[in-house]
Amino acid sequence: LNEVNKAIHESMIKEGKYHLHQFSIPDAGLFQKDFILYPLRFMSGNPNLTEKDIDKMVEYVRAKGEKMVKVRSV
């Protein structure tokens, strides 16, 4: 999960289409207690964003994630 999230984040930054914040946080036990996770987080104060804009960003991230998983499983 961390490798995929980091690859998504790196790819997004290079493309410059979207920007999600990435940070580290210890796992409270969902995957492995105290393991460091690197989630992606969306934050915006832009009042011009629409639900459609956010849906496009989510689809973009999903597609990136699927691609990263395929690359790593080959």
Protein backbone atom coordinates (compact mmCIF):
# COMPACT_ATOMS: atom_id res chain seq x y z
CA LEU A 1 0.00 0.00 0.00
CA ASN A 2 2.75 2.45 0.91
CA GLU A 3 4.70 1.76 -2.28
CA VAL A 4 1.59 2.29 -4.39
CA ASN A 5 0.62 5.49 -2.57
CA LYS A 6 4.15 6.87 -2.89
CA ALA A 7 4.23 6.00 -6.61
CA ILE A 8 0.83 7.64 -7.17
CA HIS A 9 1.98 10.77 -5.34
CA GLU A 10 5.27 10.98 -7.25
CA SER A 11 3.53 10.50 -10.60
CA MET A 12 0.90 13.12 -9.77
CA ILE A 13 3.52 15.68 -8.79
CA LYS A 14 5.43 15.08 -12.04
CA GLU A 15 2.27 15.46 -14.14
CA GLY A 16 1.05 18.49 -12.22
CA LYS A 17 -2.62 17.73 -12.91
CA TYR A 18 -3.66 17.21 -9.29
CA HIS A 19 -1.97 17.55 -5.94
CA LEU A 20 -2.78 15.43 -2.93
CA HIS A 21 -1.00 15.89 0.35
CA GLN A 22 1.05 12.90 1.55
CA PHE A 23 2.15 12.42 5.13
CA SER A 24 3.25 9.66 7.49
CA ILE A 25 1.16 8.31 10.35
CA PRO A 26 1.55 5.26 12.59
CA ASP A 27 -1.07 2.58 11.97
CA ALA A 28 -3.44 2.24 14.92
CA GLY A 29 -3.91 -1.43 14.05
CA LEU A 30 -5.86 -1.48 10.79
CA PHE A 31 -2.98 -3.16 8.92
CA GLN A 32 -0.10 -3.58 11.37
CA LYS A 33 0.00 -1.70 14.67
CA ASP A 34 2.62 1.09 14.72
CA PHE A 35 3.62 0.42 11.09
CA ILE A 36 4.13 3.77 9.34
CA LEU A 37 1.53 4.45 6.65
CA TYR A 38 1.76 7.02 3.86
CA PRO A 39 -1.82 7.90 2.88
CA LEU A 40 -2.89 10.45 0.31
CA ARG A 41 -5.17 13.24 1.52
CA PHE A 42 -7.32 15.71 -0.37
CA MET A 43 -7.73 19.17 1.11
CA SER A 44 -9.13 22.21 -0.63
CA GLY A 45 -10.31 25.64 0.21
CA ASN A 46 -11.22 26.34 -3.41
CA PRO A 47 -14.89 27.31 -3.55
CA ASN A 48 -14.89 26.89 -7.34
CA LEU A 49 -14.41 23.11 -7.17
CA THR A 50 -17.44 21.10 -8.14
CA GLU A 51 -18.45 17.57 -7.22
CA LYS A 52 -17.64 16.63 -10.82
CA ASP A 53 -14.07 17.99 -10.40
CA ILE A 54 -13.58 15.89 -7.29
CA ASP A 55 -15.07 12.80 -8.96
CA LYS A 56 -12.58 13.23 -11.84
CA MET A 57 -9.70 13.47 -9.37
CA VAL A 58 -10.84 10.32 -7.54
CA GLU A 59 -11.11 8.42 -10.83
CA TYR A 60 -7.66 9.66 -11.83
CA VAL A 61 -6.18 8.42 -8.53
CA ARG A 62 -7.94 5.05 -8.86
CA ALA A 63 -6.61 4.58 -12.39
CA LYS A 64 -3.10 5.51 -11.24
CA GLY A 65 -3.37 3.04 -8.36
CA GLU A 66 -4.55 0.21 -10.61
CA LYS A 67 -1.68 0.89 -12.98
CA MET A 68 0.87 0.96 -10.14
CA VAL A 69 -0.43 -2.34 -8.73
CA LYS A 70 -0.20 -4.02 -12.16
CA VAL A 71 3.36 -2.78 -12.67
CA ARG A 72 4.43 -4.12 -9.26
CA SER A 73 2.76 -7.51 -9.68
CA VAL A 74 4.47 -8.32 -13.00
